[in-house]
């Protein structure tokens, strides 16, 4: 199941790297929108490029009242190393049971070298303050989609 612009974002409760539990509906009640992005694995070339793209555009997103949160199935320790190594100024969710990936349709069948497997489809969602999806991107490229997101959100 894929979500689309205009859909109500699935509410969720999730654990951040530091063990803090967050809930989407509570985050939205602060008046910020949420950029929720799913990526396959900490410290891999594409995922590092994507995270650094969000990091480098963090102030532009914050100026538009958007909070960035990354999601992968990596451990809290892996997330901490990733965050420290690259100076990421945003939170990462530990989704080790992939329930959040599934809820947002980011856990998909993939194929590589003739083998089929289930894995994370690099995906990004902009969730407005009222809880609706204002931007949805499945299978986005690691590099460049943040600029398109910023443009589409009118933050240029």
C-alpha atoms as a PDB file:
ATOM      1  CA  UNK A   1       0.000   0.000   0.000  1.00  0.00           C
ATOM      2  CA  UNK A   2       1.353   3.395  -0.953  1.00  0.00           C
ATOM      3  CA  UNK A   3       0.250   6.665   0.573  1.00  0.00           C
ATOM      4  CA  UNK A   4      -0.519   9.731  -1.545  1.00  0.00           C
ATOM      5  CA  UNK A   5      -0.610  13.498  -1.152  1.00  0.00           C
ATOM      6  CA  UNK A   6      -3.813  14.447   0.681  1.00  0.00           C
ATOM      7  CA  UNK A   7      -3.959  11.202   2.696  1.00  0.00           C
ATOM      8  CA  UNK A   8      -4.036  11.376   6.460  1.00  0.00           C
ATOM      9  CA  UNK A   9      -0.574  10.405   7.725  1.00  0.00           C
ATOM     10  CA  UNK A  10      -0.693   7.242   9.831  1.00  0.00           C
ATOM     11  CA  UNK A  11      -0.209   8.157  13.478  1.00  0.00           C
ATOM     12  CA  UNK A  12       2.607   6.285  15.148  1.00  0.00           C
ATOM     13  CA  UNK A  13       4.590   5.904  18.319  1.00  0.00           C
ATOM     14  CA  UNK A  14       8.312   5.304  17.864  1.00  0.00           C
ATOM     15  CA  UNK A  15      11.606   5.261  19.731  1.00  0.00           C
ATOM     16  CA  UNK A  16      14.323   7.803  19.031  1.00  0.00           C
ATOM     17  CA  UNK A  17      18.023   7.002  19.280  1.00  0.00           C
ATOM     18  CA  UNK A  18      18.192   8.213  22.896  1.00  0.00           C
ATOM     19  CA  UNK A  19      15.281   5.952  23.907  1.00  0.00           C
ATOM     20  CA  UNK A  20      12.698   8.741  24.029  1.00  0.00           C
ATOM     21  CA  UNK A  21       9.277   7.683  22.761  1.00  0.00           C
ATOM     22  CA  UNK A  22       7.542  10.072  20.363  1.00  0.00           C
ATOM     23  CA  UNK A  23       4.065  10.097  18.853  1.00  0.00           C
ATOM     24  CA  UNK A  24       3.274  11.807  15.565  1.00  0.00           C
ATOM     25  CA  UNK A  25       0.050  13.417  16.826  1.00  0.00           C
ATOM     26  CA  UNK A  26       1.942  14.962  19.774  1.00  0.00           C
ATOM     27  CA  UNK A  27       4.717  16.260  17.509  1.00  0.00           C
ATOM     28  CA  UNK A  28       2.170  17.878  15.201  1.00  0.00           C
ATOM     29  CA  UNK A  29       0.424  19.558  18.140  1.00  0.00           C
ATOM     30  CA  UNK A  30       3.560  21.717  18.550  1.00  0.00           C
ATOM     31  CA  UNK A  31       2.627  23.455  15.278  1.00  0.00           C
ATOM     32  CA  UNK A  32       5.523  22.032  13.253  1.00  0.00           C
ATOM     33  CA  UNK A  33       5.226  19.932  10.152  1.00  0.00           C
ATOM     34  CA  UNK A  34       7.264  16.711  10.000  1.00  0.00           C
ATOM     35  CA  UNK A  35       9.601  15.570   7.223  1.00  0.00           C
ATOM     36  CA  UNK A  36       9.788  11.806   7.773  1.00  0.00           C
ATOM     37  CA  UNK A  37      12.366  10.088   5.612  1.00  0.00           C
ATOM     38  CA  UNK A  38      13.137   6.382   5.359  1.00  0.00           C
ATOM     39  CA  UNK A  39      16.582   5.152   4.361  1.00  0.00           C
ATOM     40  CA  UNK A  40      18.120   1.666   4.143  1.00  0.00           C
ATOM     41  CA  UNK A  41      21.260   1.729   6.305  1.00  0.00           C
ATOM     42  CA  UNK A  42      23.450   4.018   8.405  1.00  0.00           C
ATOM     43  CA  UNK A  43      26.915   4.891   7.083  1.00  0.00           C
ATOM     44  CA  UNK A  44      26.439   3.566   3.552  1.00  0.00           C
ATOM     45  CA  UNK A  45      27.382   5.931   0.703  1.00  0.00           C
ATOM     46  CA  UNK A  46      23.841   6.718  -0.525  1.00  0.00           C
ATOM     47  CA  UNK A  47      22.324   7.018   2.936  1.00  0.00           C
ATOM     48  CA  UNK A  48      25.187   9.215   4.133  1.00  0.00           C
ATOM     49  CA  UNK A  49      24.743  11.460   1.091  1.00  0.00           C
ATOM     50  CA  UNK A  50      20.999  11.722   1.769  1.00  0.00           C
ATOM     51  CA  UNK A  51      21.439  12.448   5.489  1.00  0.00           C
ATOM     52  CA  UNK A  52      24.073  15.098   4.741  1.00  0.00           C
ATOM     53  CA  UNK A  53      21.713  16.663   2.185  1.00  0.00           C
ATOM     54  CA  UNK A  54      19.076  17.007   4.915  1.00  0.00           C
ATOM     55  CA  UNK A  55      21.768  18.296   7.300  1.00  0.00           C
ATOM     56  CA  UNK A  56      23.006  20.888   4.802  1.00  0.00           C
ATOM     57  CA  UNK A  57      19.444  22.121   4.186  1.00  0.00           C
ATOM     58  CA  UNK A  58      18.330  21.837   7.800  1.00  0.00           C
ATOM     59  CA  UNK A  59      18.091  25.600   8.407  1.00  0.00           C
ATOM     60  CA  UNK A  60      15.990  26.095   5.266  1.00  0.00           C
ATOM     61  CA  UNK A  61      13.572  23.396   6.431  1.00  0.00           C
ATOM     62  CA  UNK A  62      13.455  24.756   9.993  1.00  0.00           C
ATOM     63  CA  UNK A  63      12.734  28.249   8.665  1.00  0.00           C
ATOM     64  CA  UNK A  64       9.595  26.803   7.080  1.00  0.00           C
ATOM     65  CA  UNK A  65       8.598  25.242  10.420  1.00  0.00           C
ATOM     66  CA  UNK A  66       9.492  21.678   9.383  1.00  0.00           C
ATOM     67  CA  UNK A  67      11.128  19.131  11.682  1.00  0.00           C
ATOM     68  CA  UNK A  68      13.248  16.436  10.020  1.00  0.00           C
ATOM     69  CA  UNK A  69      13.229  12.852  11.358  1.00  0.00           C
ATOM     70  CA  UNK A  70      15.065   9.949   9.714  1.00  0.00           C
ATOM     71  CA  UNK A  71      13.966   6.311   9.992  1.00  0.00           C
ATOM     72  CA  UNK A  72      15.880   3.071   9.476  1.00  0.00           C
ATOM     73  CA  UNK A  73      15.941  -0.366  11.049  1.00  0.00           C
ATOM     74  CA  UNK A  74      19.446   0.196  12.440  1.00  0.00           C
ATOM     75  CA  UNK A  75      20.147   0.044  16.181  1.00  0.00           C
ATOM     76  CA  UNK A  76      20.353   3.030  18.511  1.00  0.00           C
ATOM     77  CA  UNK A  77      24.136   2.519  18.727  1.00  0.00           C
ATOM     78  CA  UNK A  78      24.455   2.583  14.942  1.00  0.00           C
ATOM     79  CA  UNK A  79      22.275   5.721  14.776  1.00  0.00           C
ATOM     80  CA  UNK A  80      24.401   7.431  17.434  1.00  0.00           C
ATOM     81  CA  UNK A  81      27.600   6.687  15.525  1.00  0.00           C
ATOM     82  CA  UNK A  82      25.996   7.877  12.269  1.00  0.00           C
ATOM     83  CA  UNK A  83      24.733  11.100  13.862  1.00  0.00           C
ATOM     84  CA  UNK A  84      28.049  11.867  15.578  1.00  0.00           C
ATOM     85  CA  UNK A  85      30.202  11.054  12.554  1.00  0.00           C
ATOM     86  CA  UNK A  86      28.230  13.326  10.201  1.00  0.00           C
ATOM     87  CA  UNK A  87      26.990  16.021  12.609  1.00  0.00           C
ATOM     88  CA  UNK A  88      23.315  15.337  11.937  1.00  0.00           C
ATOM     89  CA  UNK A  89      21.146  17.967  13.671  1.00  0.00           C
ATOM     90  CA  UNK A  90      17.930  15.924  13.545  1.00  0.00           C
ATOM     91  CA  UNK A  91      16.507  12.858  15.276  1.00  0.00           C
ATOM     92  CA  UNK A  92      16.601   9.297  13.988  1.00  0.00           C
ATOM     93  CA  UNK A  93      13.982   6.653  14.767  1.00  0.00           C
ATOM     94  CA  UNK A  94      14.981   3.096  15.615  1.00  0.00           C
ATOM     95  CA  UNK A  95      12.485   0.956  13.667  1.00  0.00           C
ATOM     96  CA  UNK A  96      14.054  -2.429  14.312  1.00  0.00           C
ATOM     97  CA  UNK A  97      10.751  -4.275  13.878  1.00  0.00           C
ATOM     98  CA  UNK A  98      10.059  -2.341  10.611  1.00  0.00           C
ATOM     99  CA  UNK A  99       6.510  -1.572  11.749  1.00  0.00           C
ATOM    100  CA  UNK A 100       6.838   2.100  10.803  1.00  0.00           C
ATOM    101  CA  UNK A 101       8.316   1.182   7.408  1.00  0.00           C
ATOM    102  CA  UNK A 102       5.305  -1.032   6.748  1.00  0.00           C
ATOM    103  CA  UNK A 103       2.813   1.569   8.001  1.00  0.00           C
ATOM    104  CA  UNK A 104       4.136   4.103   5.481  1.00  0.00           C
ATOM    105  CA  UNK A 105       4.613   1.620   2.637  1.00  0.00           C
ATOM    106  CA  UNK A 106       8.412   2.001   2.651  1.00  0.00           C
ATOM    107  CA  UNK A 107       9.096  -1.748   3.112  1.00  0.00           C
ATOM    108  CA  UNK A 108       8.900  -3.217  -0.365  1.00  0.00           C
ATOM    109  CA  UNK A 109       9.978  -6.031  -2.587  1.00  0.00           C
ATOM    110  CA  UNK A 110      13.254  -5.150  -4.277  1.00  0.00           C
ATOM    111  CA  UNK A 111      15.577  -6.961  -6.619  1.00  0.00           C
ATOM    112  CA  UNK A 112      19.304  -6.886  -7.144  1.00  0.00           C
ATOM    113  CA  UNK A 113      21.476  -9.117  -9.299  1.00  0.00           C
ATOM    114  CA  UNK A 114      18.469 -11.280 -10.122  1.00  0.00           C
ATOM    115  CA  UNK A 115      17.524 -11.900  -6.485  1.00  0.00           C
ATOM    116  CA  UNK A 116      14.285 -10.666  -4.967  1.00  0.00           C
ATOM    117  CA  UNK A 117      14.120  -9.574  -1.331  1.00  0.00           C
ATOM    118  CA  UNK A 118      12.240  -7.256   1.010  1.00  0.00           C
ATOM    119  CA  UNK A 119      13.912  -4.020   2.011  1.00  0.00           C
ATOM    120  CA  UNK A 120      13.601  -0.319   2.611  1.00  0.00           C
ATOM    121  CA  UNK A 121      12.536   1.779  -0.345  1.00  0.00           C
ATOM    122  CA  UNK A 122      14.135   5.210   0.137  1.00  0.00           C
ATOM    123  CA  UNK A 123      11.013   7.320   0.771  1.00  0.00           C
ATOM    124  CA  UNK A 124      10.202  10.792   2.081  1.00  0.00           C
ATOM    125  CA  UNK A 125       6.953  12.221   3.449  1.00  0.00           C
ATOM    126  CA  UNK A 126       6.069  15.803   4.385  1.00  0.00           C
ATOM    127  CA  UNK A 127       3.329  15.742   7.013  1.00  0.00           C
ATOM    128  CA  UNK A 128       1.580  19.073   7.519  1.00  0.00           C
ATOM    129  CA  UNK A 129       0.581  20.427  10.911  1.00  0.00           C
ATOM    130  CA  UNK A 130      -2.963  19.130  10.365  1.00  0.00           C
ATOM    131  CA  UNK A 131      -1.691  15.584   9.807  1.00  0.00           C
ATOM    132  CA  UNK A 132      -2.156  15.309   6.051  1.00  0.00           C
ATOM    133  CA  UNK A 133       0.570  14.364   3.603  1.00  0.00           C
ATOM    134  CA  UNK A 134       1.620  17.368   1.526  1.00  0.00           C
ATOM    135  CA  UNK A 135       4.544  15.647  -0.229  1.00  0.00           C
ATOM    136  CA  UNK A 136       5.157  11.951  -0.888  1.00  0.00           C
ATOM    137  CA  UNK A 137       8.169  10.432  -2.586  1.00  0.00           C
ATOM    138  CA  UNK A 138       8.749   6.684  -2.948  1.00  0.00           C
ATOM    139  CA  UNK A 139      11.989   5.421  -4.422  1.00  0.00           C
ATOM    140  CA  UNK A 140      13.584   8.861  -4.231  1.00  0.00           C
ATOM    141  CA  UNK A 141      17.231   9.332  -5.152  1.00  0.00           C
ATOM    142  CA  UNK A 142      19.699   9.753  -2.314  1.00  0.00           C
ATOM    143  CA  UNK A 143      21.040  12.975  -3.796  1.00  0.00           C
ATOM    144  CA  UNK A 144      18.900  15.829  -5.044  1.00  0.00           C
ATOM    145  CA  UNK A 145      15.441  15.011  -3.766  1.00  0.00           C
ATOM    146  CA  UNK A 146      15.818  17.380  -0.785  1.00  0.00           C
ATOM    147  CA  UNK A 147      16.135  20.344  -3.178  1.00  0.00           C
ATOM    148  CA  UNK A 148      12.983  19.211  -4.995  1.00  0.00           C
ATOM    149  CA  UNK A 149      11.177  18.810  -1.661  1.00  0.00           C
ATOM    150  CA  UNK A 150      12.228  22.306  -0.567  1.00  0.00           C
ATOM    151  CA  UNK A 151      11.066  23.750  -3.883  1.00  0.00           C
ATOM    152  CA  UNK A 152       7.731  21.901  -3.780  1.00  0.00           C
ATOM    153  CA  UNK A 153       7.141  23.101  -0.203  1.00  0.00           C
ATOM    154  CA  UNK A 154       7.772  26.694  -1.330  1.00  0.00           C
ATOM    155  CA  UNK A 155      10.790  27.217   0.917  1.00  0.00           C
ATOM    156  CA  UNK A 156      13.189  28.647  -1.656  1.00  0.00           C
END
